[in-house]
């Protein structure tokens, strides 16, 4: 059996959709967008989709960003998960 090199899961640069969850407040959305915009300054308003939970308590944002490297993507996730306004980022 020969070892074949593993192919990377992502090839950079690429578009990547990040899901961010928080309480349905203006502060949550502002914090999430500010963090992502810091790392992806060319973020378009069309790249953002928002969905409310059935009871209206939570909001989910799907943010599609163009990332240049794994390090850039990792830093976005680190900053998102460090924010007290963000409940979860996938």
C-alpha atoms as a PDB file:
ATOM      1  CA  UNK A   1       0.000   0.000   0.000  1.00  0.00           C
ATOM      2  CA  UNK A   2       1.433   3.369  -0.979  1.00  0.00           C
ATOM      3  CA  UNK A   3       0.915   6.592   0.853  1.00  0.00           C
ATOM      4  CA  UNK A   4      -0.636   9.218  -1.351  1.00  0.00           C
ATOM      5  CA  UNK A   5      -0.365  12.838  -0.292  1.00  0.00           C
ATOM      6  CA  UNK A   6      -3.586  14.234   1.106  1.00  0.00           C
ATOM      7  CA  UNK A   7      -5.177  17.026  -0.854  1.00  0.00           C
ATOM      8  CA  UNK A   8      -6.042  20.164   1.119  1.00  0.00           C
ATOM      9  CA  UNK A   9      -9.735  20.594   1.873  1.00  0.00           C
ATOM     10  CA  UNK A  10      -9.640  24.204   0.693  1.00  0.00           C
ATOM     11  CA  UNK A  11      -7.668  25.843  -2.070  1.00  0.00           C
ATOM     12  CA  UNK A  12      -6.916  29.500  -1.437  1.00  0.00           C
ATOM     13  CA  UNK A  13      -7.997  32.074  -2.349  1.00  0.00           C
ATOM     14  CA  UNK A  14     -11.632  30.984  -2.119  1.00  0.00           C
ATOM     15  CA  UNK A  15     -15.083  32.114  -1.085  1.00  0.00           C
ATOM     16  CA  UNK A  16     -16.048  30.681   2.297  1.00  0.00           C
ATOM     17  CA  UNK A  17     -19.354  31.009   4.163  1.00  0.00           C
ATOM     18  CA  UNK A  18     -19.151  31.543   7.904  1.00  0.00           C
ATOM     19  CA  UNK A  19     -22.249  30.987  10.051  1.00  0.00           C
ATOM     20  CA  UNK A  20     -22.434  33.196  13.131  1.00  0.00           C
ATOM     21  CA  UNK A  21     -25.098  32.844  15.840  1.00  0.00           C
ATOM     22  CA  UNK A  22     -26.114  35.241  18.612  1.00  0.00           C
ATOM     23  CA  UNK A  23     -28.991  36.920  20.368  1.00  0.00           C
ATOM     24  CA  UNK A  24     -31.269  38.873  18.029  1.00  0.00           C
ATOM     25  CA  UNK A  25     -29.841  42.274  18.922  1.00  0.00           C
ATOM     26  CA  UNK A  26     -28.284  45.090  16.926  1.00  0.00           C
ATOM     27  CA  UNK A  27     -25.156  44.673  19.047  1.00  0.00           C
ATOM     28  CA  UNK A  28     -24.709  41.060  17.926  1.00  0.00           C
ATOM     29  CA  UNK A  29     -24.968  41.872  14.243  1.00  0.00           C
ATOM     30  CA  UNK A  30     -22.711  44.937  14.563  1.00  0.00           C
ATOM     31  CA  UNK A  31     -20.058  42.949  16.447  1.00  0.00           C
ATOM     32  CA  UNK A  32     -20.085  40.058  13.963  1.00  0.00           C
ATOM     33  CA  UNK A  33     -19.880  42.303  10.926  1.00  0.00           C
ATOM     34  CA  UNK A  34     -17.187  44.486  12.470  1.00  0.00           C
ATOM     35  CA  UNK A  35     -15.000  41.460  13.207  1.00  0.00           C
ATOM     36  CA  UNK A  36     -15.408  39.946   9.767  1.00  0.00           C
ATOM     37  CA  UNK A  37     -14.954  43.316   8.045  1.00  0.00           C
ATOM     38  CA  UNK A  38     -11.653  43.809   9.904  1.00  0.00           C
ATOM     39  CA  UNK A  39     -10.260  40.690   8.222  1.00  0.00           C
ATOM     40  CA  UNK A  40     -12.130  40.991   4.911  1.00  0.00           C
ATOM     41  CA  UNK A  41     -12.467  44.723   4.182  1.00  0.00           C
ATOM     42  CA  UNK A  42     -14.039  44.154   0.751  1.00  0.00           C
ATOM     43  CA  UNK A  43     -17.079  42.495   2.316  1.00  0.00           C
ATOM     44  CA  UNK A  44     -20.197  43.202   0.271  1.00  0.00           C
ATOM     45  CA  UNK A  45     -23.642  43.716   1.752  1.00  0.00           C
ATOM     46  CA  UNK A  46     -24.883  41.047  -0.663  1.00  0.00           C
ATOM     47  CA  UNK A  47     -22.551  38.554   1.039  1.00  0.00           C
ATOM     48  CA  UNK A  48     -24.634  38.636   4.236  1.00  0.00           C
ATOM     49  CA  UNK A  49     -27.849  36.740   4.890  1.00  0.00           C
ATOM     50  CA  UNK A  50     -29.751  36.910   8.179  1.00  0.00           C
ATOM     51  CA  UNK A  51     -32.257  34.451   9.613  1.00  0.00           C
ATOM     52  CA  UNK A  52     -34.224  34.663  12.836  1.00  0.00           C
ATOM     53  CA  UNK A  53     -35.035  31.691  15.052  1.00  0.00           C
ATOM     54  CA  UNK A  54     -38.665  30.569  15.221  1.00  0.00           C
ATOM     55  CA  UNK A  55     -39.194  32.359  18.537  1.00  0.00           C
ATOM     56  CA  UNK A  56     -37.273  35.477  17.466  1.00  0.00           C
ATOM     57  CA  UNK A  57     -34.749  35.225  20.289  1.00  0.00           C
ATOM     58  CA  UNK A  58     -31.712  34.323  18.148  1.00  0.00           C
ATOM     59  CA  UNK A  59     -30.274  35.459  14.852  1.00  0.00           C
ATOM     60  CA  UNK A  60     -28.027  33.555  12.450  1.00  0.00           C
ATOM     61  CA  UNK A  61     -25.826  35.340   9.950  1.00  0.00           C
ATOM     62  CA  UNK A  62     -24.355  33.609   6.913  1.00  0.00           C
ATOM     63  CA  UNK A  63     -21.413  35.699   5.775  1.00  0.00           C
ATOM     64  CA  UNK A  64     -19.561  34.770   2.601  1.00  0.00           C
ATOM     65  CA  UNK A  65     -16.026  36.120   2.502  1.00  0.00           C
ATOM     66  CA  UNK A  66     -13.171  35.755   0.071  1.00  0.00           C
ATOM     67  CA  UNK A  67     -10.195  34.484   2.067  1.00  0.00           C
ATOM     68  CA  UNK A  68      -6.597  34.360   0.897  1.00  0.00           C
ATOM     69  CA  UNK A  69      -5.197  31.870   3.399  1.00  0.00           C
ATOM     70  CA  UNK A  70      -5.951  29.379   6.142  1.00  0.00           C
ATOM     71  CA  UNK A  71      -4.364  31.804   8.617  1.00  0.00           C
ATOM     72  CA  UNK A  72      -6.811  34.569   7.633  1.00  0.00           C
ATOM     73  CA  UNK A  73      -9.764  32.218   8.064  1.00  0.00           C
ATOM     74  CA  UNK A  74      -8.473  30.955  11.420  1.00  0.00           C
ATOM     75  CA  UNK A  75      -8.042  34.527  12.688  1.00  0.00           C
ATOM     76  CA  UNK A  76     -11.615  35.405  11.741  1.00  0.00           C
ATOM     77  CA  UNK A  77     -12.882  32.408  13.738  1.00  0.00           C
ATOM     78  CA  UNK A  78     -10.626  33.228  16.717  1.00  0.00           C
ATOM     79  CA  UNK A  79     -11.906  36.796  16.866  1.00  0.00           C
ATOM     80  CA  UNK A  80     -15.544  35.773  16.426  1.00  0.00           C
ATOM     81  CA  UNK A  81     -15.435  33.161  19.180  1.00  0.00           C
ATOM     82  CA  UNK A  82     -13.633  35.568  21.522  1.00  0.00           C
ATOM     83  CA  UNK A  83     -16.461  38.116  21.292  1.00  0.00           C
ATOM     84  CA  UNK A  84     -19.030  38.035  24.116  1.00  0.00           C
ATOM     85  CA  UNK A  85     -21.737  38.973  21.569  1.00  0.00           C
ATOM     86  CA  UNK A  86     -21.164  35.777  19.554  1.00  0.00           C
ATOM     87  CA  UNK A  87     -22.732  32.561  20.843  1.00  0.00           C
ATOM     88  CA  UNK A  88     -21.288  30.289  18.139  1.00  0.00           C
ATOM     89  CA  UNK A  89     -19.414  30.445  14.847  1.00  0.00           C
ATOM     90  CA  UNK A  90     -19.316  27.616  12.315  1.00  0.00           C
END
